[in-house]
Amino acid sequence: MTQLESKENLSYEQAFTELEQVLNRLEGESMNLEDSLLLFERGQFLTRYCADLLEKAQLRMQQLHVNLSSDETEEEEA
């Protein structure tokens, strides 16, 4: 389990939706520097979190593809 997973338990969709909200607030609202920095930090975290989830999904898909290819090779040899 990565540090990202231990801090949050969001689905990709939830994290991405929150990231969109953060971006909209940063682009559209006037806020003080401290609030802007906190929001920016949250956006950075959510960006890394989403990227991590996408990377894991890609690895799972690659593993499934390898497993499928192995099964097909074994069937051809039999």
Foldseek 3Di string as FASTA:
>chain_A
DDPLVVVDDDDLVVLVVVLVVLVCCLVPDDDDPVVNVVSVVSNVSSVVSNVVVVVVVVVVVVVVVVVVVVVVVVVVVD
